[in-house]
Amino acid sequence: MSLKQNLHNLKEKYKGTKMAPAFNAIHTFLYLPNEVTHGGTHIKAADDLKRTMNTVIMSLIPVLIFGMFNAGYQHYAAIDPSLRTDVLANFFTWDNLWIGIIKVLPLVIVSYGVGLAVEFVFAVIKGHEVEEGYLVTGMLVPLIVPVDTPLWMLAVAVIFGVVIGKEVFGGTGMNILNPALTIRAFLFFAYPTWMSGDKVWVHDAVNRAGTADAISGETILGSYAQNQEVIYSNWDKFMGFIPGSVGETSTLLILLGAAFLIFTKIGSWRIILSTFIGAAVMGLIFNAVVDASIITESSKFYGLMNTVWWEHLMIGGLAFGAVYMATDPVTASQTNKGKWIYGFLIGFISIMIRVFNPAYPEGVFLAILLMNVFAPTIDHYVVQGNVKRRLKRAKVKTA
């Protein structure tokens, strides 16, 4: 008897029991769901939620692998800065990958294990099918945290994010906040010393002894916020050979992921492009303020204000947030015009928070969460505007 037939028999066995949703989730993950749309005005398509989620995960795999190599590279480069003189020769090594395996993979395992466990518990209690929405969230969470984030801390944050950020609203498709960013926000406000500063972005930076001048893992944004000189080239910033959250450093791979999502029609190019435009506009405004000598070098805001506008697009989590967070179809604007407004404001507000919050010069996740709340309002006014214009045209025709 085939595996598929065995699973089908087990499914029939558990049918109608409390554990049916949990078993059905495993069955559906391996095979197509048994339920499809029938008749009526339903839109027919070959994809389903599982395929959509898996497509996003596929676009994240290169970012994850690069982040694993970078975790090791930043660790060893902090000990021996001479490794930065030939990045390509010293980056893709087994030693670097091994650090990534022992530090990043446990983050992925805990994120998926705890998150899916919560999903299963809610499915069994509420008697509904387990939803595939957490498949992407489970991959995003390890990519937006520092490499040395304690596993217990991540587990607590995941429970909070899944329960408060999604399940209390009714589950996948009903939440108003991006669950991954809800988890990240919880970590930042509950455990700020583990989420910011110059010691959290490089593995073992706190415990390394005798290398006081070499252990700083300050991100580029942190250095600019303190008006310090940055040692990284534009090439390093674009490729991702810099300290930062596990998956947020490589702008190149993130843009390739964006191209893949746009090609597969999973991600909204309007939101991605408008987010970059909004960030560029805010960066240009700050550059103009500096050029006009309205602010001096003694100001605590000078470093980030003086950062060239296009550099803002490469550093921090802006690119990652624009491609993988802002485009979440559940929490983003749904109308085409609304997507332009929604994305523009995310980019605009992100750079504003970067500059005016030197204690934590990264405002992408806060900007996205804020716009998640206002996305329905944006769509409401876009729709109402369309209705008014059509009514006006109708009156003109009947006059």
Protein backbone atom coordinates (compact mmCIF):
# COMPACT_ATOMS: atom_id res chain seq x y z
CA MET A 1 0.00 0.00 0.00
CA SER A 2 1.37 3.43 -0.95
CA LEU A 3 2.27 6.15 1.54
CA LYS A 4 -0.48 8.33 0.11
CA GLN A 5 -3.08 5.60 0.67
CA ASN A 6 -1.83 5.01 4.24
CA LEU A 7 -2.13 8.71 5.01
CA HIS A 8 -5.60 8.79 3.50
CA ASN A 9 -6.67 5.88 5.72
CA LEU A 10 -5.26 7.60 8.79
CA LYS A 11 -7.06 10.78 7.83
CA GLU A 12 -10.35 8.91 7.71
CA LYS A 13 -9.52 7.36 11.08
CA TYR A 14 -9.00 10.76 12.74
CA LYS A 15 -11.95 12.36 10.94
CA GLY A 16 -14.31 14.02 13.41
CA THR A 17 -11.91 13.73 16.35
CA LYS A 18 -10.18 16.52 18.27
CA MET A 19 -6.86 15.70 16.58
CA ALA A 20 -8.27 15.86 13.05
CA PRO A 21 -7.03 19.41 12.36
CA ALA A 22 -3.49 18.51 13.44
CA PHE A 23 -3.33 15.41 11.25
CA ASN A 24 -4.96 17.16 8.31
CA ALA A 25 -2.25 19.82 8.47
CA ILE A 26 0.44 17.17 7.94
CA HIS A 27 -1.55 15.54 5.16
CA THR A 28 -2.20 18.85 3.42
CA PHE A 29 1.45 19.86 3.72
CA LEU A 30 2.49 16.73 1.82
CA TYR A 31 -0.36 16.69 -0.71
CA LEU A 32 -2.91 18.97 -2.29
CA PRO A 33 -5.90 19.92 -0.15
CA ASN A 34 -9.02 17.88 -0.82
CA GLU A 35 -11.28 20.93 -0.87
CA VAL A 36 -11.38 23.16 -3.95
CA THR A 37 -13.77 25.84 -5.13
CA HIS A 38 -16.89 24.77 -6.99
CA GLY A 39 -19.05 26.73 -9.45
CA GLY A 40 -20.29 30.23 -8.78
CA THR A 41 -18.03 33.23 -9.35
CA HIS A 42 -14.91 31.88 -7.69
CA ILE A 43 -11.63 32.80 -9.34
CA LYS A 44 -9.94 29.69 -10.66
CA ALA A 45 -6.16 29.40 -10.17
CA ALA A 46 -3.55 26.67 -9.94
CA ASP A 47 -2.00 28.02 -6.76
CA ASP A 48 -3.18 27.80 -3.16
CA LEU A 49 -2.03 29.22 0.17
CA LYS A 50 0.56 26.48 0.62
CA ARG A 51 2.13 27.12 -2.79
CA THR A 52 2.14 30.87 -2.15
CA MET A 53 3.90 30.43 1.18
CA ASN A 54 6.42 27.99 -0.28
CA THR A 55 7.23 30.44 -3.08
CA VAL A 56 8.13 33.12 -0.55
CA ILE A 57 10.25 30.63 1.40
CA MET A 58 12.11 29.71 -1.79
CA SER A 59 13.00 33.38 -2.28
CA LEU A 60 14.31 33.52 1.31
CA ILE A 61 16.62 30.48 1.11
CA PRO A 62 19.55 32.35 -0.56
CA VAL A 63 19.22 35.12 2.04
CA LEU A 64 19.29 32.52 4.84
CA ILE A 65 22.37 30.75 3.47
CA PHE A 66 24.22 34.04 2.97
CA GLY A 67 23.29 35.07 6.51
CA MET A 68 24.79 31.85 7.86
CA PHE A 69 28.09 32.53 6.10
CA ASN A 70 28.02 36.16 7.22
CA ALA A 71 27.48 35.18 10.85
CA GLY A 72 30.77 33.29 10.82
CA TYR A 73 32.58 35.88 8.73
CA GLN A 74 31.69 38.76 11.06
CA HIS A 75 32.75 36.65 14.05
CA TYR A 76 36.21 35.90 12.68
CA ALA A 77 36.68 39.33 11.08
CA ALA A 78 36.02 40.95 14.46
CA ILE A 79 38.85 38.87 15.91
CA ASP A 80 41.16 39.42 12.92
CA PRO A 81 40.23 42.60 10.98
CA SER A 82 42.78 41.70 8.27
CA LEU A 83 40.21 39.21 6.92
CA ARG A 84 38.29 42.20 5.56
CA THR A 85 41.07 43.00 3.08
CA ASP A 86 40.01 40.11 0.83
CA VAL A 87 36.36 39.45 1.56
CA LEU A 88 35.62 37.05 -1.29
CA ALA A 89 38.52 34.78 -0.34
CA ASN A 90 37.57 34.70 3.33
CA PHE A 91 33.78 34.70 3.20
CA PHE A 92 32.60 31.37 1.75
CA THR A 93 34.52 29.06 4.08
CA TRP A 94 33.50 26.03 6.10
CA ASP A 95 34.48 27.75 9.37
CA ASN A 96 32.12 30.62 8.62
CA LEU A 97 29.32 28.26 7.62
CA TRP A 98 29.79 26.19 10.76
CA ILE A 99 29.19 29.26 12.94
CA GLY A 100 26.02 29.87 10.92
CA ILE A 101 24.90 26.27 11.38
CA ILE A 102 25.31 26.27 15.16
CA LYS A 103 23.85 29.75 15.65
CA VAL A 104 21.28 30.38 12.89
CA LEU A 105 19.73 26.95 12.35
CA PRO A 106 18.63 26.68 16.03
CA LEU A 107 16.84 30.03 15.58
CA VAL A 108 14.99 28.58 12.58
CA ILE A 109 14.13 25.36 14.42
CA VAL A 110 12.81 27.16 17.51
CA SER A 111 10.86 29.64 15.39
CA TYR A 112 9.11 26.89 13.44
CA GLY A 113 8.78 24.45 16.33
CA VAL A 114 7.21 26.89 18.79
CA GLY A 115 5.14 28.77 16.21
CA LEU A 116 3.64 25.68 14.62
CA ALA A 117 3.00 24.16 18.05
CA VAL A 118 0.90 27.21 18.95
CA GLU A 119 -0.90 26.94 15.60
CA PHE A 120 -1.67 23.25 16.25
CA VAL A 121 -2.93 23.95 19.77
CA PHE A 122 -5.30 26.67 18.55
CA ALA A 123 -6.49 24.47 15.69
CA VAL A 124 -7.33 21.62 18.04
CA ILE A 125 -9.01 23.88 20.63
CA LYS A 126 -11.03 25.88 18.09
CA GLY A 127 -11.71 22.92 15.80
CA HIS A 128 -10.49 24.51 12.56
CA GLU A 129 -7.83 23.42 10.11
CA VAL A 130 -4.19 24.38 10.74
CA GLU A 131 -3.37 27.32 8.48
CA GLU A 132 -0.18 27.59 6.43
CA GLY A 133 0.32 31.27 7.17
CA TYR A 134 3.08 30.62 9.70
CA LEU A 135 5.28 28.90 7.11
CA VAL A 136 6.63 32.28 5.98
CA THR A 137 6.57 33.92 9.42
CA GLY A 138 8.64 31.05 10.80
CA MET A 139 11.35 31.75 8.23
CA LEU A 140 11.22 35.54 8.52
CA VAL A 141 11.66 35.69 12.29
CA PRO A 142 15.20 34.18 12.44
CA LEU A 143 16.28 36.52 9.64
CA ILE A 144 15.34 39.75 11.44
CA VAL A 145 17.01 39.11 14.81
CA PRO A 146 20.65 39.29 15.97
CA VAL A 147 22.61 36.07 15.65
CA ASP A 148 23.08 35.58 19.42
CA THR A 149 19.41 36.01 20.37
CA PRO A 150 18.74 33.51 23.22
CA LEU A 151 16.50 30.67 22.09
CA TRP A 152 14.21 30.91 25.13
CA MET A 153 13.74 34.60 24.41
CA LEU A 154 12.84 33.87 20.80
CA ALA A 155 10.38 31.18 21.91
CA VAL A 156 8.59 33.60 24.27
CA ALA A 157 8.41 36.23 21.53
CA VAL A 158 7.05 33.74 18.98
CA ILE A 159 4.29 32.66 21.36
CA PHE A 160 3.38 36.30 21.95
CA GLY A 161 3.47 37.16 18.24
CA VAL A 162 1.36 34.21 17.10
CA VAL A 163 -1.22 34.51 19.86
CA ILE A 164 -1.52 38.30 20.13
CA GLY A 165 -0.52 39.21 16.60
CA LYS A 166 -2.64 36.65 14.76
CA GLU A 167 -4.79 34.16 16.63
CA VAL A 168 -6.74 36.70 18.68
CA PHE A 169 -7.83 38.29 15.39
CA GLY A 170 -9.06 34.98 13.99
CA GLY A 171 -5.95 33.45 12.43
CA THR A 172 -4.34 33.71 9.02
CA GLY A 173 -5.94 36.31 6.81
CA MET A 174 -7.62 38.12 9.71
CA ASN A 175 -4.66 39.75 11.47
CA ILE A 176 -4.07 43.49 11.16
CA LEU A 177 -0.37 43.38 12.12
CA ASN A 178 2.44 41.47 10.45
CA PRO A 179 3.13 38.56 12.87
CA ALA A 180 6.88 38.49 12.23
CA LEU A 181 7.20 42.20 12.96
CA THR A 182 4.98 41.81 16.01
CA ILE A 183 7.49 39.26 17.28
CA ARG A 184 10.39 41.61 16.48
CA ALA A 185 8.67 44.52 18.22
CA PHE A 186 8.05 42.39 21.32
CA LEU A 187 11.73 41.43 21.44
CA PHE A 188 12.88 45.02 21.09
CA PHE A 189 10.63 46.48 23.77
CA ALA A 190 10.87 43.53 26.17
CA TYR A 191 14.61 42.84 25.81
CA PRO A 192 16.16 46.02 24.33
CA THR A 193 19.74 45.24 25.39
CA TRP A 194 19.65 42.08 23.26
CA MET A 195 18.24 43.86 20.22
CA SER A 196 20.39 47.00 19.97
CA GLY A 197 23.86 48.31 20.72
CA ASP A 198 27.28 47.41 19.33
CA LYS A 199 27.67 43.95 20.89
CA VAL A 200 24.63 42.03 19.63
CA TRP A 201 25.26 41.88 15.88
CA VAL A 202 28.43 39.76 15.93
CA HIS A 203 28.51 36.27 17.43
CA ASP A 204 30.24 36.05 20.81
CA ALA A 205 31.16 39.76 20.81
CA VAL A 206 30.26 40.12 24.49
CA ASN A 207 32.30 37.16 25.71
CA ARG A 208 35.44 37.70 23.68
CA ALA A 209 38.33 38.73 25.94
CA GLY A 210 41.54 40.58 25.24
CA THR A 211 40.43 42.13 21.96
CA ALA A 212 38.68 45.24 23.17
CA ASP A 213 39.46 47.20 20.00
CA ALA A 214 38.29 44.46 17.67
CA ILE A 215 35.06 43.17 19.13
CA SER A 216 32.73 46.05 18.29
CA GLY A 217 29.87 44.79 16.18
CA GLU A 218 28.28 48.16 15.60
CA THR A 219 26.12 48.32 12.52
CA ILE A 220 26.61 51.03 9.91
CA LEU A 221 23.47 52.77 11.13
CA GLY A 222 24.81 52.72 14.67
CA SER A 223 28.11 54.23 13.55
CA TYR A 224 26.39 56.98 11.59
CA ALA A 225 24.09 57.69 14.53
CA GLN A 226 27.18 58.36 16.67
CA ASN A 227 28.85 60.43 13.93
CA GLN A 228 31.60 57.81 13.61
CA GLU A 229 33.56 56.88 10.51
CA VAL A 230 32.40 53.74 8.70
CA ILE A 231 35.05 51.25 7.53
CA TYR A 232 32.84 49.46 4.99
CA SER A 233 32.80 50.24 1.29
CA ASN A 234 29.67 50.69 -0.79
CA TRP A 235 30.44 47.27 -2.30
CA ASP A 236 30.39 45.71 1.18
CA LYS A 237 27.09 47.43 1.97
CA PHE A 238 25.41 46.30 -1.23
CA MET A 239 26.70 42.73 -1.13
CA GLY A 240 26.04 42.37 2.61
CA PHE A 241 29.51 41.85 4.11
CA ILE A 242 28.53 43.92 7.15
CA PRO A 243 27.17 43.31 10.67
CA GLY A 244 23.42 43.26 11.11
CA SER A 245 20.43 40.99 11.60
CA VAL A 246 20.90 37.53 10.13
CA GLY A 247 19.10 38.06 6.81
CA GLU A 248 18.96 41.83 6.37
CA THR A 249 22.48 42.67 5.17
CA SER A 250 22.64 41.58 1.51
CA THR A 251 20.75 44.11 -0.60
CA LEU A 252 21.74 42.19 -3.75
CA LEU A 253 20.09 38.93 -2.67
CA ILE A 254 17.06 40.77 -1.32
CA LEU A 255 16.56 42.50 -4.69
CA LEU A 256 16.91 39.15 -6.47
CA GLY A 257 14.27 37.77 -4.11
CA ALA A 258 12.08 40.77 -4.95
CA ALA A 259 12.45 40.05 -8.68
CA PHE A 260 11.43 36.43 -8.08
CA LEU A 261 8.36 37.42 -6.03
CA ILE A 262 7.30 39.99 -8.61
CA PHE A 263 7.79 37.48 -11.44
CA THR A 264 5.64 34.92 -9.63
CA LYS A 265 3.09 37.67 -8.84
CA ILE A 266 3.37 37.01 -5.12
CA GLY A 267 4.91 40.34 -4.14
CA SER A 268 3.57 43.78 -5.09
CA TRP A 269 6.04 45.77 -7.17
CA ARG A 270 4.05 48.92 -6.37
CA ILE A 271 4.67 48.57 -2.63
CA ILE A 272 8.35 47.66 -3.07
CA LEU A 273 9.07 50.51 -5.48
CA SER A 274 7.07 53.11 -3.55
CA THR A 275 8.83 52.15 -0.30
CA PHE A 276 12.21 52.83 -1.90
CA ILE A 277 10.89 56.09 -3.39
CA GLY A 278 9.58 57.24 -0.01
CA ALA A 279 12.90 56.46 1.67
CA ALA A 280 14.80 58.26 -1.11
CA VAL A 281 12.61 61.37 -0.80
CA MET A 282 13.11 61.56 2.97
CA GLY A 283 16.85 61.00 2.51
CA LEU A 284 17.01 63.80 -0.07
CA ILE A 285 15.19 66.15 2.31
CA PHE A 286 17.71 65.46 5.08
CA ASN A 287 20.62 65.87 2.65
CA ALA A 288 19.19 69.25 1.61
CA VAL A 289 18.98 70.27 5.28
CA VAL A 290 22.67 69.45 5.73
CA ASP A 291 23.69 71.18 2.48
CA ALA A 292 21.84 74.32 3.58
CA SER A 293 23.86 74.29 6.83
CA ILE A 294 20.66 74.26 8.84
CA ILE A 295 22.22 71.61 11.06
CA THR A 296 25.87 71.44 12.18
CA GLU A 297 28.29 68.56 12.71
CA SER A 298 27.90 68.93 16.46
CA SER A 299 24.28 67.81 16.25
CA LYS A 300 23.50 64.24 17.25
CA PHE A 301 21.38 63.96 14.10
CA TYR A 302 24.13 65.05 11.71
CA GLY A 303 25.60 61.62 10.94
CA LEU A 304 22.42 60.04 9.59
CA MET A 305 21.15 63.27 8.05
CA ASN A 306 24.40 63.54 6.12
CA THR A 307 24.14 59.96 4.85
CA VAL A 308 23.67 60.03 1.07
CA TRP A 309 20.06 59.23 0.21
CA TRP A 310 20.85 56.17 -1.91
CA GLU A 311 22.98 54.73 0.89
CA HIS A 312 19.92 54.66 3.12
CA LEU A 313 18.42 52.14 0.69
CA MET A 314 21.30 49.68 1.18
CA ILE A 315 21.88 49.75 4.92
CA GLY A 316 19.75 48.54 7.81
CA GLY A 317 16.59 46.55 7.25
CA LEU A 318 14.94 48.85 4.72
CA ALA A 319 15.35 46.59 1.67
CA PHE A 320 14.33 43.46 3.58
CA GLY A 321 11.32 45.20 5.07
CA ALA A 322 10.23 46.62 1.72
CA VAL A 323 10.40 43.25 -0.06
CA TYR A 324 9.32 40.71 2.56
CA MET A 325 7.38 42.61 5.23
CA ALA A 326 5.61 45.53 3.62
CA THR A 327 4.25 43.31 0.84
CA ASP A 328 2.40 40.96 3.21
CA PRO A 329 -0.94 40.65 1.36
CA VAL A 330 -2.94 40.39 4.58
CA THR A 331 -1.71 43.53 6.35
CA ALA A 332 -0.87 45.73 3.34
CA SER A 333 -3.17 47.97 1.33
CA GLN A 334 -5.25 46.14 -1.26
CA THR A 335 -6.04 48.88 -3.80
CA ASN A 336 -3.45 49.84 -6.42
CA LYS A 337 -3.44 53.52 -5.46
CA GLY A 338 -3.44 52.55 -1.80
CA LYS A 339 -0.31 50.43 -2.33
CA TRP A 340 1.56 53.46 -3.67
CA ILE A 341 0.54 55.57 -0.68
CA TYR A 342 1.15 52.75 1.80
CA GLY A 343 4.64 51.94 0.52
CA PHE A 344 5.69 55.58 0.16
CA LEU A 345 4.77 56.35 3.76
CA ILE A 346 6.64 53.27 5.01
CA GLY A 347 9.86 54.40 3.33
CA PHE A 348 9.37 58.05 4.31
CA ILE A 349 8.67 57.29 7.97
CA SER A 350 11.46 54.67 8.18
CA ILE A 351 14.18 57.20 7.38
CA MET A 352 12.58 59.78 9.67
CA ILE A 353 12.70 57.35 12.60
CA ARG A 354 16.29 56.42 11.74
CA VAL A 355 17.44 60.00 12.01
CA PHE A 356 15.44 61.17 15.02
CA ASN A 357 15.91 58.04 17.14
CA PRO A 358 19.70 57.72 17.60
CA ALA A 359 19.26 55.22 20.42
CA TYR A 360 17.86 52.76 17.90
CA PRO A 361 18.56 54.02 14.36
CA GLU A 362 16.37 51.53 12.52
CA GLY A 363 12.76 52.46 12.01
CA VAL A 364 11.62 50.04 9.32
CA PHE A 365 9.70 47.61 11.52
CA LEU A 366 8.03 50.44 13.43
CA ALA A 367 7.03 52.18 10.19
CA ILE A 368 5.56 49.00 8.71
CA LEU A 369 3.60 48.18 11.85
CA LEU A 370 2.26 51.73 11.92
CA MET A 371 1.16 51.54 8.30
CA ASN A 372 -0.36 48.08 8.88
CA VAL A 373 -2.78 49.84 11.20
CA PHE A 374 -3.57 52.57 8.67
CA ALA A 375 -3.74 50.33 5.56
CA PRO A 376 -7.54 49.77 5.85
CA THR A 377 -8.05 53.52 6.25
CA ILE A 378 -5.98 54.23 3.15
CA ASP A 379 -8.01 51.71 1.13
CA HIS A 380 -11.25 53.15 2.49
CA TYR A 381 -10.47 56.65 1.25
CA VAL A 382 -9.18 55.34 -2.07
CA VAL A 383 -12.43 53.43 -2.62
CA GLN A 384 -14.56 56.37 -1.49
CA GLY A 385 -12.64 58.63 -3.87
CA ASN A 386 -13.34 56.25 -6.75
CA VAL A 387 -17.03 56.10 -5.83
CA LYS A 388 -17.31 59.89 -5.74
CA ARG A 389 -15.60 60.25 -9.14
CA ARG A 390 -17.92 57.67 -10.71
CA LEU A 391 -21.00 59.30 -9.23
CA LYS A 392 -19.80 62.65 -10.57
CA ARG A 393 -19.30 61.18 -14.05
CA ALA A 394 -22.75 59.57 -13.88
CA LYS A 395 -24.35 62.91 -13.05
CA VAL A 396 -22.58 64.60 -15.95
CA LYS A 397 -23.82 61.93 -18.38
CA THR A 398 -27.42 62.18 -17.17
CA ALA A 399 -27.41 65.99 -17.22
